[in-house]
Amino acid sequence: MLGFPFHPPGKPENDKGEHLTAVEKPLLILQGERDTFGNQTELTDYPLSASCRLSFLPDGDHSLKPRKASGHTEEGNRQLAAEQLSSFIKGVYS
Protein backbone atom coordinates (compact mmCIF):
# COMPACT_ATOMS: atom_id res chain seq x y z
CA MET A 1 0.00 0.00 0.00
CA LEU A 2 1.39 3.39 -0.91
CA GLY A 3 0.64 6.29 1.42
CA PHE A 4 -2.00 4.94 3.81
CA PRO A 5 -4.27 7.69 5.24
CA PHE A 6 -3.81 6.99 8.96
CA HIS A 7 -5.71 10.21 9.76
CA PRO A 8 -6.93 13.37 8.03
CA PRO A 9 -4.19 16.01 7.67
CA GLY A 10 -3.71 17.88 10.92
CA LYS A 11 -6.06 15.58 12.85
CA PRO A 12 -4.04 12.67 14.24
CA GLU A 13 -6.76 12.12 16.86
CA ASN A 14 -9.06 10.87 14.04
CA ASP A 15 -7.29 7.53 13.61
CA LYS A 16 -8.30 5.56 10.50
CA GLY A 17 -5.92 2.63 10.94
CA GLU A 18 -7.36 0.77 13.90
CA HIS A 19 -8.10 -2.27 11.72
CA LEU A 20 -4.37 -2.66 11.02
CA THR A 21 -3.92 -4.24 14.45
CA ALA A 22 -5.92 -7.27 13.25
CA VAL A 23 -4.58 -7.76 9.71
CA GLU A 24 -3.65 -11.39 9.20
CA LYS A 25 -2.33 -11.36 5.64
CA PRO A 26 1.08 -9.85 4.80
CA LEU A 27 0.83 -6.11 4.26
CA LEU A 28 3.48 -3.57 3.36
CA ILE A 29 2.75 0.12 3.87
CA LEU A 30 5.14 2.54 2.20
CA GLN A 31 4.71 5.97 3.73
CA GLY A 32 6.46 9.28 3.14
CA GLU A 33 8.46 10.42 6.17
CA ARG A 34 6.53 13.70 6.24
CA ASP A 35 3.15 12.47 4.99
CA THR A 36 0.40 14.72 6.39
CA PHE A 37 -1.86 11.66 6.67
CA GLY A 38 0.63 10.05 9.09
CA ASN A 39 4.32 10.93 9.29
CA GLN A 40 7.26 8.98 10.63
CA THR A 41 7.26 10.74 14.01
CA GLU A 42 3.56 10.04 14.57
CA LEU A 43 3.78 6.43 13.48
CA THR A 44 6.98 5.27 15.19
CA ASP A 45 5.08 3.32 17.86
CA TYR A 46 1.86 2.76 15.92
CA PRO A 47 0.26 -0.58 16.86
CA LEU A 48 0.32 -2.85 13.82
CA SER A 49 -0.28 -6.57 13.60
CA ALA A 50 2.74 -8.81 13.17
CA SER A 51 1.68 -9.26 9.52
CA CYS A 52 2.13 -5.54 8.75
CA ARG A 53 5.37 -3.88 7.80
CA LEU A 54 5.66 -0.09 7.72
CA SER A 55 8.50 1.52 5.80
CA PHE A 56 9.22 5.20 5.25
CA LEU A 57 10.52 6.87 2.10
CA PRO A 58 13.02 9.71 2.59
CA ASP A 59 11.44 13.15 3.03
CA GLY A 60 8.37 11.98 1.10
CA ASP A 61 4.94 13.56 1.34
CA HIS A 62 1.67 11.63 0.78
CA SER A 63 2.59 11.12 -2.88
CA LEU A 64 6.10 10.10 -1.75
CA LYS A 65 7.55 13.27 -3.30
CA PRO A 66 10.47 14.81 -1.35
CA ARG A 67 11.33 18.48 -1.15
CA LYS A 68 14.05 19.60 -3.59
CA ALA A 69 16.22 20.88 -0.73
CA SER A 70 16.26 17.41 0.87
CA GLY A 71 18.65 16.02 -1.72
CA HIS A 72 16.23 13.19 -2.49
CA THR A 73 14.26 12.93 -5.72
CA GLU A 74 10.79 11.77 -6.61
CA GLU A 75 12.31 9.33 -9.08
CA GLY A 76 14.60 7.99 -6.37
CA ASN A 77 11.71 7.50 -3.96
CA ARG A 78 9.64 5.76 -6.64
CA GLN A 79 12.58 3.47 -7.41
CA LEU A 80 13.04 2.72 -3.70
CA ALA A 81 9.30 2.00 -3.41
CA ALA A 82 9.46 -0.39 -6.38
CA GLU A 83 12.46 -2.19 -4.89
CA GLN A 84 10.80 -2.55 -1.49
CA LEU A 85 7.54 -3.75 -3.07
CA SER A 86 9.41 -6.27 -5.20
CA SER A 87 11.35 -7.59 -2.21
CA PHE A 88 8.17 -7.82 -0.14
CA ILE A 89 6.27 -9.70 -2.84
CA LYS A 90 9.15 -12.11 -3.39
CA GLY A 91 9.31 -12.73 0.36
CA VAL A 92 5.60 -13.47 0.56
CA TYR A 93 5.56 -15.83 -2.42
CA SER A 94 8.82 -17.68 -1.92
PDB file of N, CA and C in Angstrom:
ATOM      1  N   MET A   1       0.849  -1.158   0.000  1.00  0.00           N
ATOM      2  CA  MET A   1       0.000   0.000   0.000  1.00  0.00           C
ATOM      3  C   MET A   1       0.905   1.235   0.000  1.00  0.00           C
ATOM      4  N   LEU A   2       0.591   2.173  -0.820  1.00  0.00           N
ATOM      5  CA  LEU A   2       1.391   3.388  -0.910  1.00  0.00           C
ATOM      6  C   LEU A   2       0.639   4.546  -0.257  1.00  0.00           C
ATOM      7  N   GLY A   3       1.221   5.127   0.780  1.00  0.00           N
ATOM      8  CA  GLY A   3       0.639   6.291   1.424  1.00  0.00           C
ATOM      9  C   GLY A   3      -0.707   6.033   2.076  1.00  0.00           C
ATOM     10  N   PHE A   4      -0.741   5.217   3.115  1.00  0.00           N
ATOM     11  CA  PHE A   4      -1.998   4.935   3.815  1.00  0.00           C
ATOM     12  C   PHE A   4      -2.463   6.180   4.577  1.00  0.00           C
ATOM     13  N   PRO A   5      -3.755   6.531   4.497  1.00  0.00           N
ATOM     14  CA  PRO A   5      -4.271   7.689   5.236  1.00  0.00           C
ATOM     15  C   PRO A   5      -4.599   7.312   6.687  1.00  0.00           C
ATOM     16  N   PHE A   6      -3.601   7.348   7.550  1.00  0.00           N
ATOM     17  CA  PHE A   6      -3.812   6.989   8.956  1.00  0.00           C
ATOM     18  C   PHE A   6      -4.783   7.949   9.644  1.00  0.00           C
ATOM     19  N   HIS A   7      -4.799   9.203   9.207  1.00  0.00           N
ATOM     20  CA  HIS A   7      -5.710  10.206   9.759  1.00  0.00           C
ATOM     21  C   HIS A   7      -5.819  11.365   8.769  1.00  0.00           C
ATOM     22  N   PRO A   8      -6.862  12.190   8.881  1.00  0.00           N
ATOM     23  CA  PRO A   8      -6.932  13.375   8.031  1.00  0.00           C
ATOM     24  C   PRO A   8      -5.767  14.321   8.368  1.00  0.00           C
ATOM     25  N   PRO A   9      -5.289  15.077   7.394  1.00  0.00           N
ATOM     26  CA  PRO A   9      -4.190  16.009   7.667  1.00  0.00           C
ATOM     27  C   PRO A   9      -4.511  16.944   8.841  1.00  0.00           C
ATOM     28  N   GLY A  10      -3.559  17.009   9.768  1.00  0.00           N
ATOM     29  CA  GLY A  10      -3.710  17.880  10.924  1.00  0.00           C
ATOM     30  C   GLY A  10      -4.634  17.362  12.014  1.00  0.00           C
ATOM     31  N   LYS A  11      -5.136  16.140  11.863  1.00  0.00           N
ATOM     32  CA  LYS A  11      -6.064  15.583  12.849  1.00  0.00           C
ATOM     33  C   LYS A  11      -5.660  14.164  13.260  1.00  0.00           C
ATOM     34  N   PRO A  12      -4.497  14.013  13.872  1.00  0.00           N
ATOM     35  CA  PRO A  12      -4.042  12.668  14.245  1.00  0.00           C
ATOM     36  C   PRO A  12      -4.960  11.963  15.243  1.00  0.00           C
ATOM     37  N   GLU A  13      -5.819  12.727  15.921  1.00  0.00           N
ATOM     38  CA  GLU A  13      -6.760  12.116  16.861  1.00  0.00           C
ATOM     39  C   GLU A  13      -7.871  11.347  16.136  1.00  0.00           C
ATOM     40  N   ASN A  14      -8.042  11.568  14.840  1.00  0.00           N
ATOM     41  CA  ASN A  14      -9.058  10.868  14.042  1.00  0.00           C
ATOM     42  C   ASN A  14      -8.438   9.663  13.338  1.00  0.00           C
ATOM     43  N   ASP A  15      -8.001   8.712  14.115  1.00  0.00           N
ATOM     44  CA  ASP A  15      -7.286   7.531  13.614  1.00  0.00           C
ATOM     45  C   ASP A  15      -8.153   6.708  12.672  1.00  0.00           C
ATOM     46  N   LYS A  16      -7.594   6.370  11.503  1.00  0.00           N
ATOM     47  CA  LYS A  16      -8.297   5.563  10.502  1.00  0.00           C
ATOM     48  C   LYS A  16      -7.650   4.185  10.323  1.00  0.00           C
ATOM     49  N   GLY A  17      -6.650   3.873  11.149  1.00  0.00           N
ATOM     50  CA  GLY A  17      -5.924   2.630  10.938  1.00  0.00           C
ATOM     51  C   GLY A  17      -6.110   1.577  12.005  1.00  0.00           C
ATOM     52  N   GLU A  18      -7.153   1.715  12.802  1.00  0.00           N
ATOM     53  CA  GLU A  18      -7.363   0.770  13.900  1.00  0.00           C
ATOM     54  C   GLU A  18      -7.411  -0.684  13.427  1.00  0.00           C
ATOM     55  N   HIS A  19      -7.971  -0.902  12.248  1.00  0.00           N
ATOM     56  CA  HIS A  19      -8.104  -2.266  11.719  1.00  0.00           C
ATOM     57  C   HIS A  19      -6.748  -2.911  11.414  1.00  0.00           C
ATOM     58  N   LEU A  20      -5.689  -2.110  11.338  1.00  0.00           N
ATOM     59  CA  LEU A  20      -4.371  -2.658  11.015  1.00  0.00           C
ATOM     60  C   LEU A  20      -3.779  -3.485  12.158  1.00  0.00           C
ATOM     61  N   THR A  21      -4.380  -3.415  13.333  1.00  0.00           N
ATOM     62  CA  THR A  21      -3.918  -4.243  14.448  1.00  0.00           C
ATOM     63  C   THR A  21      -4.359  -5.698  14.280  1.00  0.00           C
ATOM     64  N   ALA A  22      -5.358  -5.927  13.421  1.00  0.00           N
ATOM     65  CA  ALA A  22      -5.920  -7.268  13.254  1.00  0.00           C
ATOM     66  C   ALA A  22      -5.648  -7.881  11.886  1.00  0.00           C
ATOM     67  N   VAL A  23      -4.872  -7.220  11.044  1.00  0.00           N
ATOM     68  CA  VAL A  23      -4.581  -7.756   9.709  1.00  0.00           C
ATOM     69  C   VAL A  23      -3.824  -9.070   9.837  1.00  0.00           C
ATOM     70  N   GLU A  24      -4.287 -10.082   9.121  1.00  0.00           N
ATOM     71  CA  GLU A  24      -3.646 -11.393   9.197  1.00  0.00           C
ATOM     72  C   GLU A  24      -2.781 -11.703   7.975  1.00  0.00           C
ATOM     73  N   LYS A  25      -3.100 -11.114   6.854  1.00  0.00           N
ATOM     74  CA  LYS A  25      -2.326 -11.361   5.636  1.00  0.00           C
ATOM     75  C   LYS A  25      -1.161 -10.382   5.577  1.00  0.00           C
ATOM     76  N   PRO A  26      -0.073 -10.752   4.909  1.00  0.00           N
ATOM     77  CA  PRO A  26       1.082  -9.850   4.800  1.00  0.00           C
ATOM     78  C   PRO A  26       0.697  -8.528   4.151  1.00  0.00           C
ATOM     79  N   LEU A  27       1.151  -7.445   4.749  1.00  0.00           N
ATOM     80  CA  LEU A  27       0.829  -6.111   4.263  1.00  0.00           C
ATOM     81  C   LEU A  27       2.049  -5.210   4.413  1.00  0.00           C
ATOM     82  N   LEU A  28       2.401  -4.552   3.340  1.00  0.00           N
ATOM     83  CA  LEU A  28       3.482  -3.571   3.356  1.00  0.00           C
ATOM     84  C   LEU A  28       2.861  -2.204   3.139  1.00  0.00           C
ATOM     85  N   ILE A  29       3.179  -1.267   4.021  1.00  0.00           N
ATOM     86  CA  ILE A  29       2.746   0.116   3.870  1.00  0.00           C
ATOM     87  C   ILE A  29       3.987   0.960   3.648  1.00  0.00           C
ATOM     88  N   LEU A  30       4.037   1.629   2.499  1.00  0.00           N
ATOM     89  CA  LEU A  30       5.136   2.543   2.199  1.00  0.00           C
ATOM     90  C   LEU A  30       4.603   3.956   2.398  1.00  0.00           C
ATOM     91  N   GLN A  31       5.208   4.665   3.312  1.00  0.00           N
ATOM     92  CA  GLN A  31       4.713   5.967   3.731  1.00  0.00           C
ATOM     93  C   GLN A  31       5.826   6.998   3.589  1.00  0.00           C
ATOM     94  N   GLY A  32       5.486   8.200   3.165  1.00  0.00           N
ATOM     95  CA  GLY A  32       6.460   9.280   3.143  1.00  0.00           C
ATOM     96  C   GLY A  32       6.798   9.701   4.566  1.00  0.00           C
ATOM     97  N   GLU A  33       8.044  10.033   4.824  1.00  0.00           N
ATOM     98  CA  GLU A  33       8.463  10.425   6.172  1.00  0.00           C
ATOM     99  C   GLU A  33       7.684  11.623   6.699  1.00  0.00           C
ATOM    100  N   ARG A  34       7.248  12.501   5.805  1.00  0.00           N
ATOM    101  CA  ARG A  34       6.527  13.697   6.244  1.00  0.00           C
ATOM    102  C   ARG A  34       5.097  13.743   5.694  1.00  0.00           C
ATOM    103  N   ASP A  35       4.523  12.589   5.478  1.00  0.00           N
ATOM    104  CA  ASP A  35       3.147  12.466   4.989  1.00  0.00           C
ATOM    105  C   ASP A  35       2.183  13.128   5.982  1.00  0.00           C
ATOM    106  N   THR A  36       1.348  14.029   5.511  1.00  0.00           N
ATOM    107  CA  THR A  36       0.404  14.723   6.391  1.00  0.00           C
ATOM    108  C   THR A  36      -0.735  13.815   6.851  1.00  0.00           C
ATOM    109  N   PHE A  37      -0.855  12.638   6.257  1.00  0.00           N
ATOM    110  CA  PHE A  37      -1.864  11.658   6.669  1.00  0.00           C
ATOM    111  C   PHE A  37      -1.283  10.652   7.670  1.00  0.00           C
ATOM    112  N   GLY A  38      -0.061  10.914   8.128  1.00  0.00           N
ATOM    113  CA  GLY A  38       0.631  10.054   9.087  1.00  0.00           C
ATOM    114  C   GLY A  38       2.111  10.062   8.783  1.00  0.00           C
ATOM    115  N   ASN A  39       2.877  10.832   9.562  1.00  0.00           N
ATOM    116  CA  ASN A  39       4.320  10.933   9.285  1.00  0.00           C
ATOM    117  C   ASN A  39       5.123   9.989  10.174  1.00  0.00           C
ATOM    118  N   GLN A  40       6.399   9.934   9.928  1.00  0.00           N
ATOM    119  CA  GLN A  40       7.257   8.981  10.635  1.00  0.00           C
ATOM    120  C   GLN A  40       7.250   9.209  12.145  1.00  0.00           C
ATOM    121  N   THR A  41       7.273  10.441  12.575  1.00  0.00           N
ATOM    122  CA  THR A  41       7.263  10.739  14.010  1.00  0.00           C
ATOM    123  C   THR A  41       5.984  10.235  14.664  1.00  0.00           C
ATOM    124  N   GLU A  42       4.852  10.470  14.016  1.00  0.00           N
ATOM    125  CA  GLU A  42       3.563  10.044  14.568  1.00  0.00           C
ATOM    126  C   GLU A  42       3.403   8.526  14.597  1.00  0.00           C
ATOM    127  N   LEU A  43       4.038   7.858  13.652  1.00  0.00           N
ATOM    128  CA  LEU A  43       3.778   6.426  13.482  1.00  0.00           C
ATOM    129  C   LEU A  43       4.867   5.512  14.042  1.00  0.00           C
ATOM    130  N   THR A  44       5.864   6.081  14.685  1.00  0.00           N
ATOM    131  CA  THR A  44       6.977   5.275  15.191  1.00  0.00           C
ATOM    132  C   THR A  44       6.502   4.118  16.064  1.00  0.00           C
ATOM    133  N   ASP A  45       5.576   4.364  16.952  1.00  0.00           N
ATOM    134  CA  ASP A  45       5.083   3.319  17.857  1.00  0.00           C
ATOM    135  C   ASP A  45       3.641   2.905  17.544  1.00  0.00           C
ATOM    136  N   TYR A  46       3.235   3.081  16.300  1.00  0.00           N
ATOM    137  CA  TYR A  46       1.862   2.763  15.918  1.00  0.00           C
ATOM    138  C   TYR A  46       1.633   1.255  16.052  1.00  0.00           C
ATOM    139  N   PRO A  47       0.519   0.851  16.671  1.00  0.00           N
ATOM    140  CA  PRO A  47       0.264  -0.579  16.862  1.00  0.00           C
ATOM    141  C   PRO A  47      -0.202  -1.257  15.570  1.00  0.00           C
ATOM    142  N   LEU A  48       0.645  -2.079  15.019  1.00  0.00           N
ATOM    143  CA  LEU A  48       0.324  -2.845  13.817  1.00  0.00           C
ATOM    144  C   LEU A  48       0.380  -4.328  14.146  1.00  0.00           C
ATOM    145  N   SER A  49      -0.368  -5.124  13.406  1.00  0.00           N
ATOM    146  CA  SER A  49      -0.280  -6.570  13.601  1.00  0.00           C
ATOM    147  C   SER A  49       1.099  -7.046  13.146  1.00  0.00           C
ATOM    148  N   ALA A  50       1.446  -8.238  13.552  1.00  0.00           N
ATOM    149  CA  ALA A  50       2.736  -8.814  13.167  1.00  0.00           C
ATOM    150  C   ALA A  50       2.827  -9.042  11.659  1.00  0.00           C
ATOM    151  N   SER A  51       1.695  -9.055  10.970  1.00  0.00           N
ATOM    152  CA  SER A  51       1.677  -9.257   9.518  1.00  0.00           C
ATOM    153  C   SER A  51       1.969  -7.978   8.737  1.00  0.00           C
ATOM    154  N   CYS A  52       1.926  -6.839   9.412  1.00  0.00           N
ATOM    155  CA  CYS A  52       2.131  -5.544   8.752  1.00  0.00           C
ATOM    156  C   CYS A  52       3.580  -5.083   8.869  1.00  0.00           C
ATOM    157  N   ARG A  53       4.054  -4.520   7.800  1.00  0.00           N
ATOM    158  CA  ARG A  53       5.371  -3.879   7.797  1.00  0.00           C
ATOM    159  C   ARG A  53       5.187  -2.448   7.313  1.00  0.00           C
ATOM    160  N   LEU A  54       5.743  -1.502   8.060  1.00  0.00           N
ATOM    161  CA  LEU A  54       5.658  -0.086   7.724  1.00  0.00           C
ATOM    162  C   LEU A  54       7.053   0.411   7.399  1.00  0.00           C
ATOM    163  N   SER A  55       7.205   1.011   6.238  1.00  0.00           N
ATOM    164  CA  SER A  55       8.503   1.520   5.796  1.00  0.00           C
ATOM    165  C   SER A  55       8.316   2.953   5.316  1.00  0.00           C
ATOM    166  N   PHE A  56       9.313   3.783   5.592  1.00  0.00           N
ATOM    167  CA  PHE A  56       9.223   5.203   5.247  1.00  0.00           C
ATOM    168  C   PHE A  56      10.183   5.561   4.122  1.00  0.00           C
ATOM    169  N   LEU A  57       9.700   6.405   3.210  1.00  0.00           N
ATOM    170  CA  LEU A  57      10.521   6.872   2.100  1.00  0.00           C
ATOM    171  C   LEU A  57      11.053   8.270   2.434  1.00  0.00           C
ATOM    172  N   PRO A  58      12.332   8.500   2.149  1.00  0.00           N
ATOM    173  CA  PRO A  58      13.021   9.710   2.590  1.00  0.00           C
ATOM    174  C   PRO A  58      12.336  11.014   2.180  1.00  0.00           C
ATOM    175  N   ASP A  59      11.996  11.804   3.184  1.00  0.00           N
ATOM    176  CA  ASP A  59      11.438  13.149   3.030  1.00  0.00           C
ATOM    177  C   ASP A  59      10.173  13.176   2.172  1.00  0.00           C
ATOM    178  N   GLY A  60       9.540  12.034   1.967  1.00  0.00           N
ATOM    179  CA  GLY A  60       8.372  11.976   1.100  1.00  0.00           C
ATOM    180  C   GLY A  60       7.116  12.543   1.739  1.00  0.00           C
ATOM    181  N   ASP A  61       6.260  13.133   0.899  1.00  0.00           N
ATOM    182  CA  ASP A  61       4.938  13.565   1.336  1.00  0.00           C
ATOM    183  C   ASP A  61       3.960  12.421   1.051  1.00  0.00           C
ATOM    184  N   HIS A  62       2.659  12.702   1.001  1.00  0.00           N
ATOM    185  CA  HIS A  62       1.675  11.631   0.784  1.00  0.00           C
ATOM    186  C   HIS A  62       1.836  10.965  -0.585  1.00  0.00           C
ATOM    187  N   SER A  63       2.347  11.706  -1.559  1.00  0.00           N
ATOM    188  CA  SER A  63       2.587  11.119  -2.880  1.00  0.00           C
ATOM    189  C   SER A  63       4.025  10.608  -2.994  1.00  0.00           C
ATOM    190  N   LEU A  64       4.721  10.576  -1.873  1.00  0.00           N
ATOM    191  CA  LEU A  64       6.103  10.096  -1.748  1.00  0.00           C
ATOM    192  C   LEU A  64       7.130  11.080  -2.316  1.00  0.00           C
ATOM    193  N   LYS A  65       6.672  12.267  -2.705  1.00  0.00           N
ATOM    194  CA  LYS A  65       7.553  13.268  -3.300  1.00  0.00           C
ATOM    195  C   LYS A  65       8.324  14.021  -2.212  1.00  0.00           C
ATOM    196  N   PRO A  66       9.673  14.049  -2.319  1.00  0.00           N
ATOM    197  CA  PRO A  66      10.468  14.805  -1.355  1.00  0.00           C
ATOM    198  C   PRO A  66      10.605  16.267  -1.768  1.00  0.00           C
ATOM    199  N   ARG A  67      11.033  17.089  -0.836  1.00  0.00           N
ATOM    200  CA  ARG A  67      11.330  18.483  -1.147  1.00  0.00           C
ATOM    201  C   ARG A  67      12.667  18.530  -1.888  1.00  0.00           C
ATOM    202  N   LYS A  68      12.806  19.472  -2.811  1.00  0.00           N
ATOM    203  CA  LYS A  68      14.047  19.598  -3.585  1.00  0.00           C
ATOM    204  C   LYS A  68      15.251  19.781  -2.683  1.00  0.00           C
ATOM    205  N   ALA A  69      15.105  20.577  -1.633  1.00  0.00           N
ATOM    206  CA  ALA A  69      16.217  20.877  -0.732  1.00  0.00           C
ATOM    207  C   ALA A  69      16.686  19.660   0.067  1.00  0.00           C
ATOM    208  N   SER A  70      15.897  18.591   0.074  1.00  0.00           N
ATOM    209  CA  SER A  70      16.257  17.405   0.870  1.00  0.00           C
ATOM    210  C   SER A  70      17.409  16.621   0.263  1.00  0.00           C
ATOM    211  N   GLY A  71      17.632  16.813  -1.044  1.00  0.00           N
ATOM    212  CA  GLY A  71      18.653  16.022  -1.719  1.00  0.00           C
ATOM    213  C   GLY A  71      18.115  14.712  -2.273  1.00  0.00           C
ATOM    214  N   HIS A  72      16.871  14.385  -1.947  1.00  0.00           N
ATOM    215  CA  HIS A  72      16.231  13.187  -2.486  1.00  0.00           C
ATOM    216  C   HIS A  72      15.391  13.607  -3.687  1.00  0.00           C
ATOM    217  N   THR A  73      15.067  12.632  -4.539  1.00  0.00           N
ATOM    218  CA  THR A  73      14.264  12.926  -5.721  1.00  0.00           C
ATOM    219  C   THR A  73      13.005  12.066  -5.730  1.00  0.00           C
ATOM    220  N   GLU A  74      12.010  12.553  -6.453  1.00  0.00           N
ATOM    221  CA  GLU A  74      10.787  11.774  -6.606  1.00  0.00           C
ATOM    222  C   GLU A  74      11.095  10.462  -7.329  1.00  0.00           C
ATOM    223  N   GLU A  75      11.918  10.547  -8.357  1.00  0.00           N
ATOM    224  CA  GLU A  75      12.311   9.330  -9.082  1.00  0.00           C
ATOM    225  C   GLU A  75      13.011   8.348  -8.155  1.00  0.00           C
ATOM    226  N   GLY A  76      13.898   8.855  -7.318  1.00  0.00           N
ATOM    227  CA  GLY A  76      14.599   7.989  -6.371  1.00  0.00           C
ATOM    228  C   GLY A  76      13.654   7.329  -5.390  1.00  0.00           C
ATOM    229  N   ASN A  77      12.674   8.080  -4.892  1.00  0.00           N
ATOM    230  CA  ASN A  77      11.709   7.501  -3.963  1.00  0.00           C
ATOM    231  C   ASN A  77      10.814   6.475  -4.655  1.00  0.00           C
ATOM    232  N   ARG A  78      10.458   6.732  -5.897  1.00  0.00           N
ATOM    233  CA  ARG A  78       9.645   5.758  -6.637  1.00  0.00           C
ATOM    234  C   ARG A  78      10.448   4.474  -6.894  1.00  0.00           C
ATOM    235  N   GLN A  79      11.717   4.633  -7.195  1.00  0.00           N
ATOM    236  CA  GLN A  79      12.579   3.466  -7.405  1.00  0.00           C
ATOM    237  C   GLN A  79      12.717   2.674  -6.106  1.00  0.00           C
ATOM    238  N   LEU A  80      12.934   3.374  -5.005  1.00  0.00           N
ATOM    239  CA  LEU A  80      13.037   2.718  -3.705  1.00  0.00           C
ATOM    240  C   LEU A  80      11.732   2.003  -3.366  1.00  0.00           C
ATOM    241  N   ALA A  81      10.602   2.637  -3.645  1.00  0.00           N
ATOM    242  CA  ALA A  81       9.303   1.999  -3.406  1.00  0.00           C
ATOM    243  C   ALA A  81       9.165   0.724  -4.243  1.00  0.00           C
ATOM    244  N   ALA A  82       9.545   0.791  -5.500  1.00  0.00           N
ATOM    245  CA  ALA A  82       9.459  -0.385  -6.378  1.00  0.00           C
ATOM    246  C   ALA A  82      10.347  -1.513  -5.865  1.00  0.00           C
ATOM    247  N   GLU A  83      11.547  -1.177  -5.417  1.00  0.00           N
ATOM    248  CA  GLU A  83      12.465  -2.193  -4.887  1.00  0.00           C
ATOM    249  C   GLU A  83      11.905  -2.833  -3.623  1.00  0.00           C
ATOM    250  N   GLN A  84      11.354  -2.003  -2.726  1.00  0.00           N
ATOM    251  CA  GLN A  84      10.795  -2.552  -1.491  1.00  0.00           C
ATOM    252  C   GLN A  84       9.561  -3.402  -1.768  1.00  0.00           C
ATOM    253  N   LEU A  85       8.709  -2.956  -2.697  1.00  0.00           N
ATOM    254  CA  LEU A  85       7.545  -3.751  -3.074  1.00  0.00           C
ATOM    255  C   LEU A  85       7.951  -5.092  -3.680  1.00  0.00           C
ATOM    256  N   SER A  86       8.931  -5.056  -4.566  1.00  0.00           N
ATOM    257  CA  SER A  86       9.413  -6.273  -5.202  1.00  0.00           C
ATOM    258  C   SER A  86       9.963  -7.252  -4.166  1.00  0.00           C
ATOM    259  N   SER A  87      10.775  -6.752  -3.252  1.00  0.00           N
ATOM    260  CA  SER A  87      11.347  -7.591  -2.205  1.00  0.00           C
ATOM    261  C   SER A  87      10.250  -8.179  -1.312  1.00  0.00           C
ATOM    262  N   PHE A  88       9.278  -7.364  -0.978  1.00  0.00           N
ATOM    263  CA  PHE A  88       8.172  -7.816  -0.142  1.00  0.00           C
ATOM    264  C   PHE A  88       7.377  -8.923  -0.839  1.00  0.00           C
ATOM    265  N   ILE A  89       7.042  -8.703  -2.091  1.00  0.00           N
ATOM    266  CA  ILE A  89       6.267  -9.695  -2.843  1.00  0.00           C
ATOM    267  C   ILE A  89       7.050 -11.006  -2.981  1.00  0.00           C
ATOM    268  N   LYS A  90       8.322 -10.902  -3.291  1.00  0.00           N
ATOM    269  CA  LYS A  90       9.150 -12.110  -3.393  1.00  0.00           C
ATOM    270  C   LYS A  90       9.200 -12.847  -2.065  1.00  0.00           C
ATOM    271  N   GLY A  91       9.285 -12.110  -0.960  1.00  0.00           N
ATOM    272  CA  GLY A  91       9.307 -12.728   0.360  1.00  0.00           C
ATOM    273  C   GLY A  91       8.007 -13.432   0.699  1.00  0.00           C
ATOM    274  N   VAL A  92       6.913 -12.883   0.274  1.00  0.00           N
ATOM    275  CA  VAL A  92       5.604 -13.468   0.561  1.00  0.00           C
ATOM    276  C   VAL A  92       5.384 -14.727  -0.260  1.00  0.00           C
ATOM    277  N   TYR A  93       5.839 -14.714  -1.518  1.00  0.00           N
ATOM    278  CA  TYR A  93       5.563 -15.832  -2.419  1.00  0.00           C
ATOM    279  C   TYR A  93       6.712 -16.796  -2.616  1.00  0.00           C
ATOM    280  N   SER A  94       7.721 -16.723  -1.767  1.00  0.00           N
ATOM    281  CA  SER A  94       8.825 -17.680  -1.922  1.00  0.00           C
ATOM    282  C   SER A  94       8.725 -18.807  -0.927  1.00  0.00           C
TER     283      SER A  94
END
